[in-house]
């Protein structure tokens, strides 16, 4: 029986880089979004607890499916096993959100 793949998703969210793991990742029916389901968090076999991983675990514990904007995605990798989920600051690095041209307002019909 084939082992179910695990995906590492790295994306920008409010000036921070999120790294999460999920079993299901696919293009959403909502235009411009990626869907992630079945979040995977590491085992608690260590005495040391990473506060950013705990924050992510609490943030995503009650979420069934997350819609992530495609322009926020930095990278998606298929991995053999999950690692530590983490949040880090995007400041000071070379990671930036993809620029989008401003949308012009639609003309009003009277």
PDB file of N, CA and C in Angstrom:
ATOM      1  N   UNK A   1       0.843  -1.176   0.000  1.00  0.00           N
ATOM      2  CA  UNK A   1       0.000   0.000   0.000  1.00  0.00           C
ATOM      3  C   UNK A   1       0.893   1.245   0.000  1.00  0.00           C
ATOM      4  N   UNK A   2       0.617   2.175  -0.897  1.00  0.00           N
ATOM      5  CA  UNK A   2       1.416   3.386  -1.024  1.00  0.00           C
ATOM      6  C   UNK A   2       1.168   4.311   0.161  1.00  0.00           C
ATOM      7  N   UNK A   3       2.242   4.925   0.635  1.00  0.00           N
ATOM      8  CA  UNK A   3       2.147   5.864   1.746  1.00  0.00           C
ATOM      9  C   UNK A   3       1.570   7.175   1.236  1.00  0.00           C
ATOM     10  N   UNK A   4       0.655   7.753   2.012  1.00  0.00           N
ATOM     11  CA  UNK A   4       0.030   9.012   1.626  1.00  0.00           C
ATOM     12  C   UNK A   4       1.064  10.141   1.685  1.00  0.00           C
ATOM     13  N   UNK A   5       1.174  10.960   0.627  1.00  0.00           N
ATOM     14  CA  UNK A   5       2.197  12.011   0.619  1.00  0.00           C
ATOM     15  C   UNK A   5       1.895  13.124   1.632  1.00  0.00           C
ATOM     16  N   UNK A   6       2.967  13.789   2.048  1.00  0.00           N
ATOM     17  CA  UNK A   6       2.863  14.948   2.932  1.00  0.00           C
ATOM     18  C   UNK A   6       3.513  16.111   2.205  1.00  0.00           C
ATOM     19  N   UNK A   7       2.861  17.269   2.231  1.00  0.00           N
ATOM     20  CA  UNK A   7       3.361  18.450   1.555  1.00  0.00           C
ATOM     21  C   UNK A   7       3.756  19.520   2.560  1.00  0.00           C
ATOM     22  N   UNK A   8       4.917  20.140   2.331  1.00  0.00           N
ATOM     23  CA  UNK A   8       5.344  21.297   3.123  1.00  0.00           C
ATOM     24  C   UNK A   8       4.959  22.528   2.317  1.00  0.00           C
ATOM     25  N   UNK A   9       4.180  23.412   2.925  1.00  0.00           N
ATOM     26  CA  UNK A   9       3.711  24.623   2.264  1.00  0.00           C
ATOM     27  C   UNK A   9       4.332  25.807   2.991  1.00  0.00           C
ATOM     28  N   UNK A  10       5.059  26.631   2.248  1.00  0.00           N
ATOM     29  CA  UNK A  10       5.671  27.827   2.815  1.00  0.00           C
ATOM     30  C   UNK A  10       5.012  29.016   2.139  1.00  0.00           C
ATOM     31  N   UNK A  11       4.439  29.927   2.952  1.00  0.00           N
ATOM     32  CA  UNK A  11       3.733  31.075   2.400  1.00  0.00           C
ATOM     33  C   UNK A  11       3.859  32.286   3.313  1.00  0.00           C
ATOM     34  N   UNK A  12       3.594  33.457   2.743  1.00  0.00           N
ATOM     35  CA  UNK A  12       3.613  34.706   3.495  1.00  0.00           C
ATOM     36  C   UNK A  12       2.235  34.996   4.064  1.00  0.00           C
ATOM     37  N   UNK A  13       2.215  35.474   5.306  1.00  0.00           N
ATOM     38  CA  UNK A  13       0.962  35.868   5.935  1.00  0.00           C
ATOM     39  C   UNK A  13       1.250  37.017   6.887  1.00  0.00           C
ATOM     40  N   UNK A  14       0.796  38.210   6.550  1.00  0.00           N
ATOM     41  CA  UNK A  14       0.917  39.403   7.387  1.00  0.00           C
ATOM     42  C   UNK A  14       2.360  39.652   7.841  1.00  0.00           C
ATOM     43  N   UNK A  15       3.291  39.640   6.901  1.00  0.00           N
ATOM     44  CA  UNK A  15       4.685  39.945   7.191  1.00  0.00           C
ATOM     45  C   UNK A  15       5.473  38.822   7.834  1.00  0.00           C
ATOM     46  N   UNK A  16       4.884  37.642   7.903  1.00  0.00           N
ATOM     47  CA  UNK A  16       5.579  36.493   8.476  1.00  0.00           C
ATOM     48  C   UNK A  16       5.549  35.335   7.487  1.00  0.00           C
ATOM     49  N   UNK A  17       6.567  34.482   7.572  1.00  0.00           N
ATOM     50  CA  UNK A  17       6.649  33.294   6.724  1.00  0.00           C
ATOM     51  C   UNK A  17       6.131  32.108   7.531  1.00  0.00           C
ATOM     52  N   UNK A  18       5.082  31.464   7.041  1.00  0.00           N
ATOM     53  CA  UNK A  18       4.499  30.288   7.679  1.00  0.00           C
ATOM     54  C   UNK A  18       5.010  29.048   6.963  1.00  0.00           C
ATOM     55  N   UNK A  19       5.354  28.027   7.723  1.00  0.00           N
ATOM     56  CA  UNK A  19       5.723  26.727   7.164  1.00  0.00           C
ATOM     57  C   UNK A  19       4.827  25.689   7.820  1.00  0.00           C
ATOM     58  N   UNK A  20       3.920  25.106   7.022  1.00  0.00           N
ATOM     59  CA  UNK A  20       2.973  24.125   7.550  1.00  0.00           C
ATOM     60  C   UNK A  20       3.061  22.855   6.715  1.00  0.00           C
ATOM     61  N   UNK A  21       2.500  21.779   7.250  1.00  0.00           N
ATOM     62  CA  UNK A  21       2.478  20.482   6.571  1.00  0.00           C
ATOM     63  C   UNK A  21       1.032  20.026   6.438  1.00  0.00           C
ATOM     64  N   UNK A  22       0.698  19.487   5.256  1.00  0.00           N
ATOM     65  CA  UNK A  22      -0.661  19.013   5.001  1.00  0.00           C
ATOM     66  C   UNK A  22      -0.616  17.788   4.101  1.00  0.00           C
ATOM     67  N   UNK A  23      -1.642  16.965   4.206  1.00  0.00           N
ATOM     68  CA  UNK A  23      -1.726  15.761   3.368  1.00  0.00           C
ATOM     69  C   UNK A  23      -2.419  16.042   2.035  1.00  0.00           C
ATOM     70  N   UNK A  24      -3.255  17.049   1.977  1.00  0.00           N
ATOM     71  CA  UNK A  24      -3.993  17.376   0.753  1.00  0.00           C
ATOM     72  C   UNK A  24      -3.722  18.829   0.371  1.00  0.00           C
ATOM     73  N   UNK A  25      -3.257  19.039  -0.858  1.00  0.00           N
ATOM     74  CA  UNK A  25      -3.027  20.377  -1.394  1.00  0.00           C
ATOM     75  C   UNK A  25      -3.512  20.372  -2.838  1.00  0.00           C
ATOM     76  N   UNK A  26      -4.361  21.334  -3.192  1.00  0.00           N
ATOM     77  CA  UNK A  26      -4.848  21.384  -4.561  1.00  0.00           C
ATOM     78  C   UNK A  26      -5.373  22.776  -4.893  1.00  0.00           C
ATOM     79  N   UNK A  27      -5.533  23.019  -6.200  1.00  0.00           N
ATOM     80  CA  UNK A  27      -6.056  24.288  -6.687  1.00  0.00           C
ATOM     81  C   UNK A  27      -7.517  24.411  -6.285  1.00  0.00           C
ATOM     82  N   UNK A  28      -7.879  25.546  -5.746  1.00  0.00           N
ATOM     83  CA  UNK A  28      -9.240  25.765  -5.276  1.00  0.00           C
ATOM     84  C   UNK A  28     -10.167  26.135  -6.427  1.00  0.00           C
ATOM     85  N   UNK A  29     -11.443  25.943  -6.199  1.00  0.00           N
ATOM     86  CA  UNK A  29     -12.438  26.428  -7.152  1.00  0.00           C
ATOM     87  C   UNK A  29     -12.577  27.940  -7.042  1.00  0.00           C
ATOM     88  N   UNK A  30     -12.155  28.508  -5.905  1.00  0.00           N
ATOM     89  CA  UNK A  30     -12.110  29.962  -5.765  1.00  0.00           C
ATOM     90  C   UNK A  30     -10.897  30.452  -6.535  1.00  0.00           C
ATOM     91  N   UNK A  31     -11.080  31.333  -7.482  1.00  0.00           N
ATOM     92  CA  UNK A  31      -9.994  31.780  -8.339  1.00  0.00           C
ATOM     93  C   UNK A  31      -8.893  32.444  -7.521  1.00  0.00           C
ATOM     94  N   UNK A  32      -7.647  32.012  -7.749  1.00  0.00           N
ATOM     95  CA  UNK A  32      -6.494  32.620  -7.102  1.00  0.00           C
ATOM     96  C   UNK A  32      -6.149  32.049  -5.737  1.00  0.00           C
ATOM     97  N   UNK A  33      -6.754  30.928  -5.359  1.00  0.00           N
ATOM     98  CA  UNK A  33      -6.486  30.337  -4.052  1.00  0.00           C
ATOM     99  C   UNK A  33      -6.055  28.879  -4.196  1.00  0.00           C
ATOM    100  N   UNK A  34      -5.266  28.442  -3.241  1.00  0.00           N
ATOM    101  CA  UNK A  34      -4.843  27.051  -3.113  1.00  0.00           C
ATOM    102  C   UNK A  34      -5.507  26.521  -1.844  1.00  0.00           C
ATOM    103  N   UNK A  35      -5.962  25.292  -1.858  1.00  0.00           N
ATOM    104  CA  UNK A  35      -6.594  24.692  -0.679  1.00  0.00           C
ATOM    105  C   UNK A  35      -5.645  23.700  -0.032  1.00  0.00           C
ATOM    106  N   UNK A  36      -5.569  23.765   1.286  1.00  0.00           N
ATOM    107  CA  UNK A  36      -4.773  22.810   2.062  1.00  0.00           C
ATOM    108  C   UNK A  36      -5.692  22.176   3.099  1.00  0.00           C
ATOM    109  N   UNK A  37      -5.634  20.849   3.210  1.00  0.00           N
ATOM    110  CA  UNK A  37      -6.466  20.094   4.152  1.00  0.00           C
ATOM    111  C   UNK A  37      -5.614  19.081   4.895  1.00  0.00           C
ATOM    112  N   UNK A  38      -6.163  18.559   5.969  1.00  0.00           N
ATOM    113  CA  UNK A  38      -5.532  17.512   6.777  1.00  0.00           C
ATOM    114  C   UNK A  38      -4.133  17.932   7.228  1.00  0.00           C
ATOM    115  N   UNK A  39      -4.091  18.962   8.054  1.00  0.00           N
ATOM    116  CA  UNK A  39      -2.824  19.491   8.564  1.00  0.00           C
ATOM    117  C   UNK A  39      -2.131  18.455   9.439  1.00  0.00           C
ATOM    118  N   UNK A  40      -0.804  18.423   9.336  1.00  0.00           N
ATOM    119  CA  UNK A  40       0.008  17.456  10.073  1.00  0.00           C
ATOM    120  C   UNK A  40       0.945  18.236  10.987  1.00  0.00           C
ATOM    121  N   UNK A  41       0.958  17.862  12.256  1.00  0.00           N
ATOM    122  CA  UNK A  41       1.859  18.480  13.225  1.00  0.00           C
ATOM    123  C   UNK A  41       2.751  17.406  13.813  1.00  0.00           C
ATOM    124  N   UNK A  42       3.973  17.785  14.186  1.00  0.00           N
ATOM    125  CA  UNK A  42       4.959  16.840  14.698  1.00  0.00           C
ATOM    126  C   UNK A  42       4.528  16.204  16.004  1.00  0.00           C
ATOM    127  N   UNK A  43       5.146  15.080  16.309  1.00  0.00           N
ATOM    128  CA  UNK A  43       4.887  14.371  17.556  1.00  0.00           C
ATOM    129  C   UNK A  43       5.483  15.116  18.734  1.00  0.00           C
ATOM    130  N   UNK A  44       4.908  14.955  19.886  1.00  0.00           N
ATOM    131  CA  UNK A  44       5.386  15.588  21.114  1.00  0.00           C
ATOM    132  C   UNK A  44       6.276  14.629  21.894  1.00  0.00           C
ATOM    133  N   UNK A  45       7.359  14.154  21.258  1.00  0.00           N
ATOM    134  CA  UNK A  45       8.255  13.225  21.939  1.00  0.00           C
ATOM    135  C   UNK A  45       9.441  13.944  22.568  1.00  0.00           C
ATOM    136  N   UNK A  46       9.569  15.236  22.324  1.00  0.00           N
ATOM    137  CA  UNK A  46      10.685  15.992  22.865  1.00  0.00           C
ATOM    138  C   UNK A  46      10.228  16.833  24.045  1.00  0.00           C
ATOM    139  N   UNK A  47      11.164  17.123  24.942  1.00  0.00           N
ATOM    140  CA  UNK A  47      10.870  17.969  26.097  1.00  0.00           C
ATOM    141  C   UNK A  47      10.793  19.430  25.685  1.00  0.00           C
ATOM    142  N   UNK A  48      11.620  19.831  24.705  1.00  0.00           N
ATOM    143  CA  UNK A  48      11.654  21.214  24.245  1.00  0.00           C
ATOM    144  C   UNK A  48      10.452  21.479  23.350  1.00  0.00           C
ATOM    145  N   UNK A  49       9.748  22.578  23.633  1.00  0.00           N
ATOM    146  CA  UNK A  49       8.567  22.951  22.859  1.00  0.00           C
ATOM    147  C   UNK A  49       8.874  24.249  22.120  1.00  0.00           C
ATOM    148  N   UNK A  50       8.646  24.252  20.815  1.00  0.00           N
ATOM    149  CA  UNK A  50       8.866  25.440  20.003  1.00  0.00           C
ATOM    150  C   UNK A  50       7.604  26.303  20.065  1.00  0.00           C
ATOM    151  N   UNK A  51       7.698  27.555  20.553  1.00  0.00           N
ATOM    152  CA  UNK A  51       6.509  28.397  20.678  1.00  0.00           C
ATOM    153  C   UNK A  51       5.826  28.696  19.347  1.00  0.00           C
ATOM    154  N   UNK A  52       6.597  28.836  18.254  1.00  0.00           N
ATOM    155  CA  UNK A  52       5.960  29.122  16.966  1.00  0.00           C
ATOM    156  C   UNK A  52       5.176  27.914  16.460  1.00  0.00           C
ATOM    157  N   UNK A  53       5.677  26.707  16.734  1.00  0.00           N
ATOM    158  CA  UNK A  53       4.929  25.511  16.335  1.00  0.00           C
ATOM    159  C   UNK A  53       3.642  25.381  17.148  1.00  0.00           C
ATOM    160  N   UNK A  54       3.723  25.686  18.431  1.00  0.00           N
ATOM    161  CA  UNK A  54       2.524  25.646  19.277  1.00  0.00           C
ATOM    162  C   UNK A  54       1.504  26.679  18.815  1.00  0.00           C
ATOM    163  N   UNK A  55       1.974  27.871  18.422  1.00  0.00           N
ATOM    164  CA  UNK A  55       1.071  28.909  17.920  1.00  0.00           C
ATOM    165  C   UNK A  55       0.355  28.438  16.658  1.00  0.00           C
ATOM    166  N   UNK A  56       1.113  27.824  15.739  1.00  0.00           N
ATOM    167  CA  UNK A  56       0.505  27.305  14.510  1.00  0.00           C
ATOM    168  C   UNK A  56      -0.466  26.175  14.800  1.00  0.00           C
ATOM    169  N   UNK A  57      -0.094  25.293  15.708  1.00  0.00           N
ATOM    170  CA  UNK A  57      -0.965  24.176  16.059  1.00  0.00           C
ATOM    171  C   UNK A  57      -2.288  24.693  16.622  1.00  0.00           C
ATOM    172  N   UNK A  58      -2.217  25.710  17.479  1.00  0.00           N
ATOM    173  CA  UNK A  58      -3.440  26.302  18.033  1.00  0.00           C
ATOM    174  C   UNK A  58      -4.236  27.041  16.967  1.00  0.00           C
ATOM    175  N   UNK A  59      -3.536  27.732  16.064  1.00  0.00           N
ATOM    176  CA  UNK A  59      -4.212  28.497  15.014  1.00  0.00           C
ATOM    177  C   UNK A  59      -4.941  27.591  14.036  1.00  0.00           C
ATOM    178  N   UNK A  60      -4.355  26.438  13.700  1.00  0.00           N
ATOM    179  CA  UNK A  60      -4.930  25.547  12.697  1.00  0.00           C
ATOM    180  C   UNK A  60      -5.664  24.345  13.292  1.00  0.00           C
ATOM    181  N   UNK A  61      -5.776  24.249  14.615  1.00  0.00           N
ATOM    182  CA  UNK A  61      -6.388  23.070  15.233  1.00  0.00           C
ATOM    183  C   UNK A  61      -7.867  22.908  14.882  1.00  0.00           C
ATOM    184  N   UNK A  62      -8.601  23.991  14.765  1.00  0.00           N
ATOM    185  CA  UNK A  62     -10.041  23.892  14.489  1.00  0.00           C
ATOM    186  C   UNK A  62     -10.367  24.145  13.013  1.00  0.00           C
ATOM    187  N   UNK A  63      -9.344  24.248  12.172  1.00  0.00           N
ATOM    188  CA  UNK A  63      -9.564  24.544  10.756  1.00  0.00           C
ATOM    189  C   UNK A  63      -9.585  23.243   9.961  1.00  0.00           C
ATOM    190  N   UNK A  64     -10.651  23.054   9.206  1.00  0.00           N
ATOM    191  CA  UNK A  64     -10.796  21.867   8.375  1.00  0.00           C
ATOM    192  C   UNK A  64     -10.050  22.038   7.053  1.00  0.00           C
ATOM    193  N   UNK A  65     -10.165  23.230   6.463  1.00  0.00           N
ATOM    194  CA  UNK A  65      -9.568  23.516   5.159  1.00  0.00           C
ATOM    195  C   UNK A  65      -9.135  24.975   5.167  1.00  0.00           C
ATOM    196  N   UNK A  66      -7.960  25.246   4.610  1.00  0.00           N
ATOM    197  CA  UNK A  66      -7.460  26.614   4.546  1.00  0.00           C
ATOM    198  C   UNK A  66      -7.303  27.025   3.089  1.00  0.00           C
ATOM    199  N   UNK A  67      -7.731  28.238   2.782  1.00  0.00           N
ATOM    200  CA  UNK A  67      -7.601  28.802   1.448  1.00  0.00           C
ATOM    201  C   UNK A  67      -6.450  29.807   1.492  1.00  0.00           C
ATOM    202  N   UNK A  68      -5.377  29.508   0.782  1.00  0.00           N
ATOM    203  CA  UNK A  68      -4.178  30.342   0.798  1.00  0.00           C
ATOM    204  C   UNK A  68      -4.079  31.041  -0.560  1.00  0.00           C
ATOM    205  N   UNK A  69      -3.934  32.381  -0.564  1.00  0.00           N
ATOM    206  CA  UNK A  69      -3.800  33.079  -1.847  1.00  0.00           C
ATOM    207  C   UNK A  69      -2.556  32.597  -2.602  1.00  0.00           C
ATOM    208  N   UNK A  70      -2.719  32.333  -3.883  1.00  0.00           N
ATOM    209  CA  UNK A  70      -1.630  31.802  -4.695  1.00  0.00           C
ATOM    210  C   UNK A  70      -0.435  32.751  -4.709  1.00  0.00           C
ATOM    211  N   UNK A  71      -0.677  34.059  -4.719  1.00  0.00           N
ATOM    212  CA  UNK A  71       0.432  35.005  -4.768  1.00  0.00           C
ATOM    213  C   UNK A  71       1.212  35.068  -3.448  1.00  0.00           C
ATOM    214  N   UNK A  72       0.710  34.431  -2.383  1.00  0.00           N
ATOM    215  CA  UNK A  72       1.428  34.380  -1.105  1.00  0.00           C
ATOM    216  C   UNK A  72       2.317  33.148  -0.977  1.00  0.00           C
ATOM    217  N   UNK A  73       2.130  32.179  -1.855  1.00  0.00           N
ATOM    218  CA  UNK A  73       2.889  30.928  -1.791  1.00  0.00           C
ATOM    219  C   UNK A  73       4.342  31.190  -2.169  1.00  0.00           C
ATOM    220  N   UNK A  74       5.256  30.713  -1.343  1.00  0.00           N
ATOM    221  CA  UNK A  74       6.679  30.792  -1.649  1.00  0.00           C
ATOM    222  C   UNK A  74       7.138  29.481  -2.280  1.00  0.00           C
ATOM    223  N   UNK A  75       6.704  28.370  -1.659  1.00  0.00           N
ATOM    224  CA  UNK A  75       7.167  27.068  -2.135  1.00  0.00           C
ATOM    225  C   UNK A  75       6.273  25.961  -1.592  1.00  0.00           C
ATOM    226  N   UNK A  76       6.123  24.892  -2.377  1.00  0.00           N
ATOM    227  CA  UNK A  76       5.428  23.687  -1.945  1.00  0.00           C
ATOM    228  C   UNK A  76       6.314  22.499  -2.290  1.00  0.00           C
ATOM    229  N   UNK A  77       6.594  21.656  -1.292  1.00  0.00           N
ATOM    230  CA  UNK A  77       7.432  20.478  -1.492  1.00  0.00           C
ATOM    231  C   UNK A  77       6.687  19.239  -1.015  1.00  0.00           C
ATOM    232  N   UNK A  78       6.850  18.123  -1.731  1.00  0.00           N
ATOM    233  CA  UNK A  78       6.380  16.838  -1.228  1.00  0.00           C
ATOM    234  C   UNK A  78       7.532  16.252  -0.427  1.00  0.00           C
ATOM    235  N   UNK A  79       7.272  15.914   0.840  1.00  0.00           N
ATOM    236  CA  UNK A  79       8.321  15.425   1.730  1.00  0.00           C
ATOM    237  C   UNK A  79       7.996  14.019   2.221  1.00  0.00           C
ATOM    238  N   UNK A  80       8.998  13.333   2.740  1.00  0.00           N
ATOM    239  CA  UNK A  80       8.821  11.962   3.231  1.00  0.00           C
ATOM    240  C   UNK A  80       8.092  11.925   4.566  1.00  0.00           C
ATOM    241  N   UNK A  81       8.402  12.905   5.445  1.00  0.00           N
ATOM    242  CA  UNK A  81       7.704  12.979   6.726  1.00  0.00           C
ATOM    243  C   UNK A  81       7.634  14.428   7.164  1.00  0.00           C
ATOM    244  N   UNK A  82       6.708  14.703   8.067  1.00  0.00           N
ATOM    245  CA  UNK A  82       6.525  16.085   8.504  1.00  0.00           C
ATOM    246  C   UNK A  82       7.695  16.535   9.358  1.00  0.00           C
ATOM    247  N   UNK A  83       7.927  17.821   9.328  1.00  0.00           N
ATOM    248  CA  UNK A  83       8.944  18.440  10.171  1.00  0.00           C
ATOM    249  C   UNK A  83       8.254  19.359  11.164  1.00  0.00           C
ATOM    250  N   UNK A  84       9.020  20.243  11.723  1.00  0.00           N
ATOM    251  CA  UNK A  84       8.468  21.196  12.683  1.00  0.00           C
ATOM    252  C   UNK A  84       7.817  22.353  11.924  1.00  0.00           C
ATOM    253  N   UNK A  85       6.558  22.617  12.226  1.00  0.00           N
ATOM    254  CA  UNK A  85       5.886  23.782  11.674  1.00  0.00           C
ATOM    255  C   UNK A  85       6.479  25.009  12.351  1.00  0.00           C
ATOM    256  N   UNK A  86       6.582  26.110  11.602  1.00  0.00           N
ATOM    257  CA  UNK A  86       7.162  27.293  12.222  1.00  0.00           C
ATOM    258  C   UNK A  86       6.687  28.570  11.569  1.00  0.00           C
ATOM    259  N   UNK A  87       6.859  29.652  12.312  1.00  0.00           N
ATOM    260  CA  UNK A  87       6.580  30.997  11.839  1.00  0.00           C
ATOM    261  C   UNK A  87       7.864  31.791  12.017  1.00  0.00           C
ATOM    262  N   UNK A  88       8.261  32.522  10.980  1.00  0.00           N
ATOM    263  CA  UNK A  88       9.437  33.380  11.092  1.00  0.00           C
ATOM    264  C   UNK A  88       9.148  34.712  10.418  1.00  0.00           C
ATOM    265  N   UNK A  89       9.881  35.741  10.813  1.00  0.00           N
ATOM    266  CA  UNK A  89       9.698  37.060  10.216  1.00  0.00           C
ATOM    267  C   UNK A  89      10.261  37.082   8.811  1.00  0.00           C
ATOM    268  N   UNK A  90       9.559  37.750   7.898  1.00  0.00           N
ATOM    269  CA  UNK A  90      10.022  37.884   6.525  1.00  0.00           C
ATOM    270  C   UNK A  90      10.927  39.096   6.371  1.00  0.00           C
ATOM    271  N   UNK A  91      11.022  39.919   7.398  1.00  0.00           N
ATOM    272  CA  UNK A  91      11.829  41.138   7.339  1.00  0.00           C
ATOM    273  C   UNK A  91      13.310  40.785   7.326  1.00  0.00           C
ATOM    274  N   UNK A  92      14.066  41.564   6.563  1.00  0.00           N
ATOM    275  CA  UNK A  92      15.506  41.364   6.512  1.00  0.00           C
ATOM    276  C   UNK A  92      15.953  40.279   5.555  1.00  0.00           C
ATOM    277  N   UNK A  93      15.019  39.606   4.928  1.00  0.00           N
ATOM    278  CA  UNK A  93      15.380  38.549   3.989  1.00  0.00           C
ATOM    279  C   UNK A  93      15.116  38.968   2.565  1.00  0.00           C
ATOM    280  N   UNK A  94      15.249  38.042   1.660  1.00  0.00           N
ATOM    281  CA  UNK A  94      15.002  38.342   0.257  1.00  0.00           C
ATOM    282  C   UNK A  94      13.659  37.767  -0.200  1.00  0.00           C
ATOM    283  N   UNK A  95      12.749  37.543   0.729  1.00  0.00           N
ATOM    284  CA  UNK A  95      11.433  37.009   0.419  1.00  0.00           C
ATOM    285  C   UNK A  95      10.453  38.166   0.351  1.00  0.00           C
ATOM    286  N   UNK A  96       9.721  38.251  -0.747  1.00  0.00           N
ATOM    287  CA  UNK A  96       8.738  39.317  -0.904  1.00  0.00           C
ATOM    288  C   UNK A  96       7.507  38.763  -1.600  1.00  0.00           C
ATOM    289  N   UNK A  97       6.396  39.395  -1.358  1.00  0.00           N
ATOM    290  CA  UNK A  97       5.160  38.987  -1.988  1.00  0.00           C
ATOM    291  C   UNK A  97       5.181  39.408  -3.451  1.00  0.00           C
ATOM    292  N   UNK A  98       4.602  38.576  -4.317  1.00  0.00           N
ATOM    293  CA  UNK A  98       4.563  38.878  -5.739  1.00  0.00           C
ATOM    294  C   UNK A  98       3.762  40.150  -5.966  1.00  0.00           C
ATOM    295  N   UNK A  99       4.314  41.148  -6.669  1.00  0.00           N
ATOM    296  CA  UNK A  99       3.576  42.408  -6.851  1.00  0.00           C
ATOM    297  C   UNK A  99       2.449  42.248  -7.867  1.00  0.00           C
ATOM    298  N   UNK A 100       1.336  42.835  -7.545  1.00  0.00           N
ATOM    299  CA  UNK A 100       0.196  42.848  -8.451  1.00  0.00           C
ATOM    300  C   UNK A 100      -0.122  44.286  -8.795  1.00  0.00           C
ATOM    301  N   UNK A 101      -0.463  44.560 -10.058  1.00  0.00           N
ATOM    302  CA  UNK A 101      -0.833  45.934 -10.397  1.00  0.00           C
ATOM    303  C   UNK A 101      -2.151  46.281  -9.717  1.00  0.00           C
ATOM    304  N   UNK A 102      -2.306  47.525  -9.328  1.00  0.00           N
ATOM    305  CA  UNK A 102      -3.573  47.907  -8.698  1.00  0.00           C
ATOM    306  C   UNK A 102      -4.723  47.737  -9.686  1.00  0.00           C
ATOM    307  N   UNK A 103      -5.828  47.278  -9.172  1.00  0.00           N
ATOM    308  CA  UNK A 103      -6.999  47.070 -10.022  1.00  0.00           C
ATOM    309  C   UNK A 103      -7.745  48.386 -10.166  1.00  0.00           C
ATOM    310  N   UNK A 104      -8.062  48.721 -11.381  1.00  0.00           N
ATOM    311  CA  UNK A 104      -8.823  49.942 -11.629  1.00  0.00           C
ATOM    312  C   UNK A 104     -10.280  49.707 -11.264  1.00  0.00           C
ATOM    313  N   UNK A 105     -10.923  50.681 -10.629  1.00  0.00           N
ATOM    314  CA  UNK A 105     -12.329  50.491 -10.274  1.00  0.00           C
ATOM    315  C   UNK A 105     -13.195  50.410 -11.534  1.00  0.00           C
ATOM    316  N   UNK A 106     -14.219  49.608 -11.462  1.00  0.00           N
ATOM    317  CA  UNK A 106     -15.137  49.481 -12.582  1.00  0.00           C
ATOM    318  C   UNK A 106     -15.943  50.770 -12.720  1.00  0.00           C
ATOM    319  N   UNK A 107     -16.189  51.210 -13.957  1.00  0.00           N
ATOM    320  CA  UNK A 107     -16.985  52.429 -14.130  1.00  0.00           C
ATOM    321  C   UNK A 107     -18.424  52.199 -13.667  1.00  0.00           C
ATOM    322  N   UNK A 108     -18.978  53.198 -13.046  1.00  0.00           N
ATOM    323  CA  UNK A 108     -20.359  53.107 -12.546  1.00  0.00           C
ATOM    324  C   UNK A 108     -21.331  53.378 -13.675  1.00  0.00           C
ATOM    325  N   UNK A 109     -22.370  52.608 -13.715  1.00  0.00           N
ATOM    326  CA  UNK A 109     -23.432  52.819 -14.707  1.00  0.00           C
ATOM    327  C   UNK A 109     -24.570  53.545 -14.026  1.00  0.00           C
ATOM    328  N   UNK A 110     -25.037  54.537 -14.692  1.00  0.00           N
ATOM    329  CA  UNK A 110     -26.148  55.315 -14.117  1.00  0.00           C
ATOM    330  C   UNK A 110     -27.355  55.266 -14.980  1.00  0.00           C
TER     331      UNK A 110
END
